[in-house]
Amino acid sequence: MAKKTISDIDPQGKVVLMRVDFNVPQDDQGNITDDRRIRMALPSIESVLDRGGKLVLMSHLGRPKGTGPEPEFSLRGAAERLAELLGKPVTFANDTVGEDAAAKVSALGNGDVLVLENLRFNAGEKKGDAEFAAKLAAWADIYCNNAFGTCHRTDASMLAVPQAMAGKPKVVGALVAKEIQYLSDTIANPARPFVAILGGAKVSDKINVIKNLLGICDHVLIGGAMAYTFSLAQGGKTGKSLVEEDKVELAKQLIAEGGSKLVLPVDTHCGDDFSSDCNKQIVKAGEIPDGWEGLDIGPETAAKYAELLKNAKTVVWNGPMGVFEMPPFDEGTKTVAKAIADSDAISIIGGGDSAAAIEQLGFADQVTHVSTGGGASLSMLEGNKFAAVEVLDDA
């Protein structure tokens, strides 16, 4: 699935329209609480600026209604943080395709950068509107997709804009190129043993991922609250644990299809309340007493999973093993994260809570790749193709 990258193109004196993912978390005062997504975009941004390109950055932030400006969703704060990180001025446009943006695009010099206001202030973005896309596309000589977090979507900036730029270069940024390399190409031809660890709350969120990975992995290890639905499917007792009773039949099918590849917990760390200071006990899987809930995999399961990870050559992890934000129910996630970090495997952490956990536990620099896109990484692990990537120039 290799695509041409921004480093394959000479941006000197040209306007590069780059879709980035500056959808960063903010507090109630609008202060950015985690600038990782901006930092991850820097290599491609600096690549264009250092080579004399004129850079126009576009992104969404949050979920505005699409009826015009909503101050709490403004990208101005992201533009200011980018200026701090780059150590140079960053111009900000008060609109997306209006007069202010048009004037500021025209005024760009070589090596200058402009951030447009939130794409989703325009209804045309979510609708994939061709007219809205054409206005953005008309400014640019080169299109660059560096927003993996939205690659599974068909918003105007992701699909209609590159479609409107027929005959002009349409490339990926370093961030998207890396995601494709690991989440698509590595998984298509993995070094073995290939082990996947899937956690999180719901089987329903991961059905297609489990099915796809059972077809290509040597082992698929299950943790998180979704394990209790599998436990129910095996006739176990789950107390007041989070379960999806309407997915029990599906869980039975996956157990039958997975055979020895599908590895389920053998013990569970339970609490009588959803809190750190609740009463706790460790029970065998499927033996959670009434009034208690499973909040983490047990130590025997954690040790078993760590042993399987020790010899792995490719590892994909998506979803924590328990309530990792609440000690001591972070122990299972911690054990798995350390086993991945200590292994010699190509290790791919699939965004969302897994990325937060690996960062929080201090192992982010000991794994091969931490994905920037939760939904997008899940979709790629399901084996889906992305129209927003397919439309770009092949390498």
Protein backbone atom coordinates (compact mmCIF):
# COMPACT_ATOMS: atom_id res chain seq x y z
CA MET A 1 0.00 0.00 0.00
CA ALA A 2 3.07 2.25 -0.24
CA LYS A 3 2.28 5.84 -1.22
CA LYS A 4 4.41 8.78 -2.35
CA THR A 5 5.47 10.85 0.63
CA ILE A 6 6.05 14.55 1.17
CA SER A 7 9.81 13.89 1.06
CA ASP A 8 9.43 12.65 -2.56
CA ILE A 9 8.11 16.07 -3.67
CA ASP A 10 9.94 19.41 -4.08
CA PRO A 11 7.79 22.04 -2.31
CA GLN A 12 10.06 25.02 -3.08
CA GLY A 13 7.86 28.06 -3.79
CA LYS A 14 4.70 25.94 -3.90
CA VAL A 15 1.58 25.99 -1.72
CA VAL A 16 1.26 22.69 0.18
CA LEU A 17 -2.19 22.02 1.62
CA MET A 18 -1.64 19.58 4.49
CA ARG A 19 -4.43 17.83 6.41
CA VAL A 20 -3.20 17.38 9.97
CA ASP A 21 -4.85 16.01 13.10
CA PHE A 22 -4.76 18.85 15.63
CA ASN A 23 -7.81 17.46 17.44
CA VAL A 24 -6.07 17.88 20.80
CA PRO A 25 -7.66 17.62 24.26
CA GLN A 26 -8.29 20.93 26.03
CA ASP A 27 -9.42 21.93 29.51
CA ASP A 28 -12.41 24.17 30.29
CA GLN A 29 -10.25 27.28 29.78
CA GLY A 30 -9.19 26.11 26.32
CA ASN A 31 -5.65 25.18 27.39
CA ILE A 32 -4.16 22.21 25.52
CA THR A 33 -3.63 19.33 27.97
CA ASP A 34 -1.78 17.01 25.58
CA ASP A 35 0.02 18.30 22.48
CA ARG A 36 1.22 14.88 21.26
CA ARG A 37 -0.75 15.08 17.99
CA ILE A 38 0.84 18.43 17.14
CA ARG A 39 4.31 17.13 18.01
CA MET A 40 3.79 14.00 15.89
CA ALA A 41 3.01 16.16 12.86
CA LEU A 42 6.20 18.25 13.17
CA PRO A 43 8.56 16.21 10.94
CA SER A 44 6.36 16.67 7.85
CA ILE A 45 5.61 20.32 8.68
CA GLU A 46 9.31 21.10 9.10
CA SER A 47 10.15 19.16 5.93
CA VAL A 48 8.00 21.54 3.87
CA LEU A 49 9.12 24.72 5.64
CA ASP A 50 12.84 23.87 5.58
CA ARG A 51 12.65 23.30 1.82
CA GLY A 52 10.93 26.63 1.07
CA GLY A 53 7.34 25.51 0.73
CA LYS A 54 4.32 27.65 1.60
CA LEU A 55 2.35 25.57 4.06
CA VAL A 56 -1.40 25.71 4.72
CA LEU A 57 -2.53 23.45 7.57
CA MET A 58 -6.14 22.31 7.99
CA SER A 59 -7.70 20.25 10.77
CA HIS A 60 -10.85 19.67 12.76
CA LEU A 61 -11.19 19.99 16.53
CA GLY A 62 -14.01 18.42 18.51
CA ARG A 63 -17.55 18.13 17.24
CA PRO A 64 -18.95 21.57 16.42
CA LYS A 65 -22.42 21.77 14.86
CA GLY A 66 -21.17 22.91 11.44
CA THR A 67 -23.15 26.16 11.54
CA GLY A 68 -20.26 28.59 11.98
CA PRO A 69 -17.68 29.57 14.61
CA GLU A 70 -17.92 28.05 18.10
CA PRO A 71 -15.11 29.64 20.18
CA GLU A 72 -14.54 26.56 22.38
CA PHE A 73 -13.59 24.59 19.25
CA SER A 74 -11.25 27.17 17.72
CA LEU A 75 -7.85 26.00 16.43
CA ARG A 76 -6.20 29.27 17.49
CA GLY A 77 -4.71 27.58 20.58
CA ALA A 78 -3.27 24.78 18.43
CA ALA A 79 -1.72 27.38 16.08
CA GLU A 80 -0.12 29.13 19.07
CA ARG A 81 1.27 25.84 20.41
CA LEU A 82 2.64 25.01 16.95
CA ALA A 83 4.44 28.38 16.88
CA GLU A 84 6.06 27.54 20.25
CA LEU A 85 7.17 24.12 19.00
CA LEU A 86 8.51 25.45 15.69
CA GLY A 87 10.14 28.49 17.27
CA LYS A 88 8.78 30.72 14.51
CA PRO A 89 5.60 32.70 13.75
CA VAL A 90 2.49 30.83 12.64
CA THR A 91 -0.28 32.82 10.93
CA PHE A 92 -3.88 31.98 11.85
CA ALA A 93 -6.92 32.47 9.61
CA ASN A 94 -10.23 33.34 11.30
CA ASP A 95 -12.15 31.29 8.75
CA THR A 96 -11.60 28.24 6.54
CA VAL A 97 -12.47 29.23 2.97
CA GLY A 98 -13.55 32.84 3.55
CA GLU A 99 -11.92 36.19 2.79
CA ASP A 100 -9.46 36.10 5.71
CA ALA A 101 -8.13 32.66 4.74
CA ALA A 102 -7.90 33.60 1.04
CA ALA A 103 -5.95 36.79 1.83
CA LYS A 104 -3.56 35.02 4.19
CA VAL A 105 -2.89 32.17 1.73
CA SER A 106 -2.05 34.76 -0.95
CA ALA A 107 0.34 36.55 1.43
CA LEU A 108 2.38 33.43 2.28
CA GLY A 109 6.09 33.59 1.51
CA ASN A 110 8.47 30.65 1.10
CA GLY A 111 8.92 28.91 4.46
CA ASP A 112 5.75 30.47 5.94
CA VAL A 113 2.96 28.52 7.63
CA LEU A 114 -0.75 29.25 8.02
CA VAL A 115 -3.32 27.38 10.14
CA LEU A 116 -6.93 27.59 8.94
CA GLU A 117 -9.82 27.76 11.40
CA ASN A 118 -11.65 24.51 12.29
CA LEU A 119 -12.82 22.70 9.14
CA ARG A 120 -15.96 21.50 10.91
CA PHE A 121 -17.26 25.05 11.35
CA ASN A 122 -18.36 24.43 7.74
CA ALA A 123 -21.18 21.92 7.18
CA GLY A 124 -19.47 20.94 3.89
CA GLU A 125 -16.60 19.21 5.72
CA LYS A 126 -18.60 16.36 7.26
CA LYS A 127 -20.82 16.11 4.18
CA GLY A 128 -17.82 15.68 1.88
CA ASP A 129 -19.14 18.65 -0.13
CA ALA A 130 -17.44 19.10 -3.51
CA GLU A 131 -17.94 22.88 -3.63
CA PHE A 132 -16.34 23.39 -0.21
CA ALA A 133 -13.49 21.04 -1.20
CA ALA A 134 -12.92 22.87 -4.50
CA LYS A 135 -12.29 26.16 -2.65
CA LEU A 136 -9.59 24.53 -0.52
CA ALA A 137 -8.08 22.65 -3.45
CA ALA A 138 -7.87 25.79 -5.62
CA TRP A 139 -5.23 27.31 -3.32
CA ALA A 140 -2.79 24.44 -3.49
CA ASP A 141 -0.10 22.98 -5.75
CA ILE A 142 0.41 19.89 -3.57
CA TYR A 143 -1.93 17.97 -1.23
CA CYS A 144 -0.54 16.08 1.77
CA ASN A 145 -2.51 13.78 4.08
CA ASN A 146 -0.78 13.70 7.46
CA ALA A 147 -3.89 12.98 9.57
CA PHE A 148 -4.04 9.27 10.26
CA GLY A 149 -6.68 9.71 12.96
CA THR A 150 -9.25 10.63 10.29
CA CYS A 151 -8.02 8.39 7.43
CA HIS A 152 -10.99 6.05 7.90
CA ARG A 153 -13.38 8.96 7.23
CA THR A 154 -14.52 10.48 3.94
CA ASP A 155 -14.74 14.11 5.10
CA ALA A 156 -14.19 16.73 2.39
CA SER A 157 -10.62 17.52 3.48
CA MET A 158 -9.74 13.82 3.39
CA LEU A 159 -11.28 12.73 0.09
CA ALA A 160 -13.05 15.44 -1.95
CA VAL A 161 -10.06 17.83 -1.74
CA PRO A 162 -7.50 15.40 -3.25
CA GLN A 163 -10.14 14.31 -5.78
CA ALA A 164 -10.46 17.99 -6.81
CA MET A 165 -6.69 18.22 -7.36
CA ALA A 166 -6.44 16.03 -10.45
CA GLY A 167 -2.99 16.21 -12.03
CA LYS A 168 -1.36 17.70 -8.93
CA PRO A 169 0.79 15.70 -6.48
CA LYS A 170 -1.20 14.02 -3.70
CA VAL A 171 1.04 12.47 -1.06
CA VAL A 172 1.17 11.21 2.52
CA GLY A 173 3.04 12.84 5.36
CA ALA A 174 5.60 10.95 7.44
CA LEU A 175 3.01 10.18 10.10
CA VAL A 176 0.55 8.46 7.74
CA ALA A 177 3.39 6.71 5.90
CA LYS A 178 4.57 5.22 9.21
CA GLU A 179 1.05 4.12 10.19
CA ILE A 180 0.57 2.38 6.82
CA GLN A 181 3.97 0.72 7.17
CA TYR A 182 3.15 -0.79 10.56
CA LEU A 183 -0.63 -1.23 10.65
CA SER A 184 -0.96 -2.49 7.09
CA ASP A 185 2.30 -3.68 5.56
CA THR A 186 3.89 -5.28 8.68
CA ILE A 187 0.67 -7.09 9.56
CA ALA A 188 0.23 -8.31 5.98
CA ASN A 189 3.61 -10.06 6.19
CA PRO A 190 4.41 -10.51 9.90
CA ALA A 191 7.45 -12.07 11.50
CA ARG A 192 6.21 -15.01 13.59
CA PRO A 193 5.06 -15.84 16.17
CA PHE A 194 2.51 -13.03 15.68
CA VAL A 195 0.58 -12.24 18.88
CA ALA A 196 -2.33 -9.81 19.24
CA ILE A 197 -3.63 -8.56 22.59
CA LEU A 198 -7.15 -7.14 22.55
CA GLY A 199 -8.80 -5.48 25.53
CA GLY A 200 -11.37 -2.82 26.23
CA ALA A 201 -14.97 -2.95 27.30
CA LYS A 202 -16.97 -4.36 24.42
CA VAL A 203 -16.74 -7.40 22.16
CA SER A 204 -18.98 -5.50 19.74
CA ASP A 205 -16.29 -2.82 19.23
CA LYS A 206 -13.69 -5.44 18.29
CA ILE A 207 -15.67 -8.21 16.49
CA ASN A 208 -14.17 -7.55 13.07
CA VAL A 209 -10.68 -7.02 14.51
CA ILE A 210 -10.85 -10.34 16.38
CA LYS A 211 -12.11 -12.14 13.26
CA ASN A 212 -9.44 -10.62 11.02
CA LEU A 213 -6.60 -11.24 13.47
CA LEU A 214 -7.70 -14.84 14.20
CA GLY A 215 -7.10 -15.41 10.49
CA ILE A 216 -3.52 -14.13 10.54
CA CYS A 217 -2.20 -14.36 14.15
CA ASP A 218 -0.68 -17.27 16.02
CA HIS A 219 -2.38 -16.16 19.25
CA VAL A 220 -5.08 -13.60 20.10
CA LEU A 221 -5.07 -12.78 23.83
CA ILE A 222 -8.26 -11.33 25.33
CA GLY A 223 -8.47 -8.98 28.32
CA GLY A 224 -10.55 -6.09 29.59
CA ALA A 225 -14.28 -6.22 30.25
CA MET A 226 -14.92 -7.98 26.93
CA ALA A 227 -13.44 -11.11 28.57
CA TYR A 228 -16.56 -11.38 30.78
CA THR A 229 -18.83 -11.75 27.74
CA PHE A 230 -16.63 -14.66 26.62
CA SER A 231 -16.84 -16.03 30.17
CA LEU A 232 -20.64 -15.86 30.03
CA ALA A 233 -20.53 -17.68 26.68
CA GLN A 234 -18.68 -20.53 28.42
CA GLY A 235 -21.35 -20.77 31.12
CA GLY A 236 -19.32 -18.85 33.71
CA LYS A 237 -20.51 -16.56 36.50
CA THR A 238 -19.73 -12.87 35.99
CA GLY A 239 -21.32 -11.20 39.06
CA LYS A 240 -22.05 -7.56 38.33
CA SER A 241 -19.24 -7.28 35.72
CA LEU A 242 -19.80 -5.33 32.52
CA VAL A 243 -21.11 -7.85 29.96
CA GLU A 244 -22.90 -7.72 26.59
CA GLU A 245 -25.57 -10.38 26.95
CA ASP A 246 -26.71 -9.83 23.35
CA LYS A 247 -23.19 -10.78 22.15
CA VAL A 248 -22.96 -14.14 23.94
CA GLU A 249 -23.83 -16.15 20.81
CA LEU A 250 -21.22 -14.21 18.85
CA ALA A 251 -18.65 -14.90 21.58
CA LYS A 252 -19.48 -18.63 21.32
CA GLN A 253 -18.85 -18.47 17.55
CA LEU A 254 -15.50 -16.73 18.06
CA ILE A 255 -14.45 -19.34 20.65
CA ALA A 256 -15.36 -22.12 18.18
CA GLU A 257 -13.61 -20.41 15.25
CA GLY A 258 -10.55 -19.39 17.28
CA GLY A 259 -9.80 -22.76 18.83
CA SER A 260 -6.42 -22.74 20.57
CA LYS A 261 -5.49 -19.42 18.89
CA LEU A 262 -8.00 -17.54 21.06
CA VAL A 263 -6.53 -17.26 24.56
CA LEU A 264 -8.91 -16.23 27.36
CA PRO A 265 -8.12 -15.22 30.97
CA VAL A 266 -7.79 -17.98 33.56
CA ASP A 267 -8.28 -15.72 36.59
CA THR A 268 -9.83 -12.35 37.42
CA HIS A 269 -9.05 -9.54 39.86
CA CYS A 270 -12.42 -8.49 41.32
CA GLY A 271 -13.78 -5.68 43.47
CA ASP A 272 -17.07 -5.25 45.32
CA ASP A 273 -17.20 -1.63 44.10
CA PHE A 274 -15.75 0.42 41.24
CA SER A 275 -13.05 2.13 43.31
CA SER A 276 -9.42 1.73 44.37
CA ASP A 277 -10.30 1.19 48.03
CA CYS A 278 -12.98 -1.48 47.48
CA ASN A 279 -12.69 -4.99 48.89
CA LYS A 280 -10.70 -7.14 46.47
CA GLN A 281 -10.24 -10.80 45.65
CA ILE A 282 -8.75 -12.95 42.89
CA VAL A 283 -10.96 -15.73 41.56
CA LYS A 284 -10.81 -18.24 38.72
CA ALA A 285 -12.25 -16.96 35.43
CA GLY A 286 -16.00 -17.56 35.32
CA GLU A 287 -16.30 -17.71 39.12
CA ILE A 288 -17.00 -14.07 39.98
CA PRO A 289 -19.37 -14.00 42.99
CA ASP A 290 -22.65 -12.09 43.04
CA GLY A 291 -22.15 -8.45 44.02
CA TRP A 292 -18.55 -8.43 42.72
CA GLU A 293 -17.20 -7.25 39.38
CA GLY A 294 -14.13 -8.10 37.35
CA LEU A 295 -11.82 -5.08 37.06
CA ASP A 296 -8.60 -6.64 35.71
CA ILE A 297 -7.07 -9.89 34.52
CA GLY A 298 -5.62 -11.88 37.42
CA PRO A 299 -1.89 -12.47 38.09
CA GLU A 300 -1.91 -16.00 36.62
CA THR A 301 -3.37 -14.66 33.35
CA ALA A 302 -0.91 -11.76 33.30
CA ALA A 303 2.02 -14.19 33.75
CA LYS A 304 0.65 -16.49 31.03
CA TYR A 305 0.27 -13.57 28.59
CA ALA A 306 3.77 -12.27 29.43
CA GLU A 307 5.19 -15.73 28.66
CA LEU A 308 3.46 -15.85 25.26
CA LEU A 309 4.74 -12.34 24.48
CA LYS A 310 8.33 -13.22 25.41
CA ASN A 311 8.88 -15.25 22.23
CA ALA A 312 6.73 -13.14 19.89
CA LYS A 313 8.30 -11.52 16.82
CA THR A 314 5.32 -9.28 15.95
CA VAL A 315 2.89 -7.87 18.55
CA VAL A 316 -0.25 -5.77 18.12
CA TRP A 317 -1.94 -4.38 21.22
CA ASN A 318 -5.30 -2.62 21.27
CA GLY A 319 -7.17 -2.10 24.52
CA PRO A 320 -6.14 -2.27 28.20
CA MET A 321 -6.44 -5.44 30.31
CA GLY A 322 -8.42 -3.75 33.08
CA VAL A 323 -9.20 -0.40 34.67
CA PHE A 324 -5.64 0.84 34.18
CA GLU A 325 -6.43 4.35 35.50
CA MET A 326 -7.30 2.90 38.93
CA PRO A 327 -4.61 1.03 40.94
CA PRO A 328 -4.34 -1.81 41.80
CA PHE A 329 -6.45 -2.76 38.76
CA ASP A 330 -3.68 -1.49 36.49
CA GLU A 331 -1.47 -4.49 37.28
CA GLY A 332 -2.57 -6.62 34.31
CA THR A 333 -2.09 -3.80 31.83
CA LYS A 334 1.27 -2.97 33.42
CA THR A 335 2.50 -6.58 33.17
CA VAL A 336 1.46 -6.85 29.51
CA ALA A 337 2.99 -3.45 28.65
CA LYS A 338 6.30 -4.40 30.30
CA ALA A 339 6.35 -7.78 28.50
CA ILE A 340 5.85 -6.00 25.17
CA ALA A 341 8.55 -3.44 25.99
CA ASP A 342 10.99 -6.18 27.05
CA SER A 343 10.39 -8.34 23.96
CA ASP A 344 12.40 -8.26 20.73
CA ALA A 345 9.19 -8.10 18.70
CA ILE A 346 8.06 -5.44 16.28
CA SER A 347 5.47 -3.95 18.64
CA ILE A 348 2.51 -1.90 17.40
CA ILE A 349 0.28 -0.13 19.92
CA GLY A 350 -3.08 0.58 18.33
CA GLY A 351 -4.06 4.03 19.54
CA GLY A 352 -6.72 5.15 22.03
CA ASP A 353 -6.49 3.81 25.59
CA SER A 354 -3.56 1.50 24.75
CA ALA A 355 -1.50 4.49 23.61
CA ALA A 356 -2.47 6.39 26.78
CA ALA A 357 -1.54 3.37 28.93
CA ILE A 358 1.85 2.79 27.30
CA GLU A 359 2.70 6.51 27.70
CA GLN A 360 1.41 6.65 31.28
CA LEU A 361 3.41 3.55 32.24
CA GLY A 362 6.59 4.97 30.70
CA PHE A 363 7.12 2.35 27.98
CA ALA A 364 6.32 4.46 24.89
CA ASP A 365 9.97 4.73 23.85
CA GLN A 366 10.49 0.95 24.20
CA VAL A 367 7.93 -0.10 21.59
CA THR A 368 8.25 0.11 17.82
CA HIS A 369 5.18 2.16 16.99
CA VAL A 370 2.39 3.91 18.90
CA SER A 371 -0.52 4.72 16.58
CA THR A 372 -2.03 8.21 16.65
CA GLY A 373 -5.48 7.05 15.55
CA GLY A 374 -7.82 5.01 17.74
CA GLY A 375 -10.72 4.47 15.32
CA ALA A 376 -8.46 4.50 12.27
CA SER A 377 -6.06 1.93 13.72
CA LEU A 378 -8.98 -0.35 14.64
CA SER A 379 -10.36 -0.03 11.13
CA MET A 380 -6.98 -0.89 9.62
CA LEU A 381 -6.64 -3.88 11.98
CA GLU A 382 -10.00 -5.04 10.64
CA GLY A 383 -8.33 -5.19 7.21
CA ASN A 384 -10.29 -2.27 5.73
CA LYS A 385 -9.05 -0.12 2.87
CA PHE A 386 -9.31 3.67 3.25
CA ALA A 387 -10.68 5.74 0.34
CA ALA A 388 -8.75 8.75 1.71
CA VAL A 389 -5.48 6.82 1.26
CA GLU A 390 -6.37 4.98 -1.96
CA VAL A 391 -6.91 8.34 -3.73
CA LEU A 392 -3.26 9.37 -3.15
CA ASP A 393 -0.34 8.81 -5.52
CA ASP A 394 1.32 5.39 -5.37
CA ALA A 395 5.04 5.23 -4.67
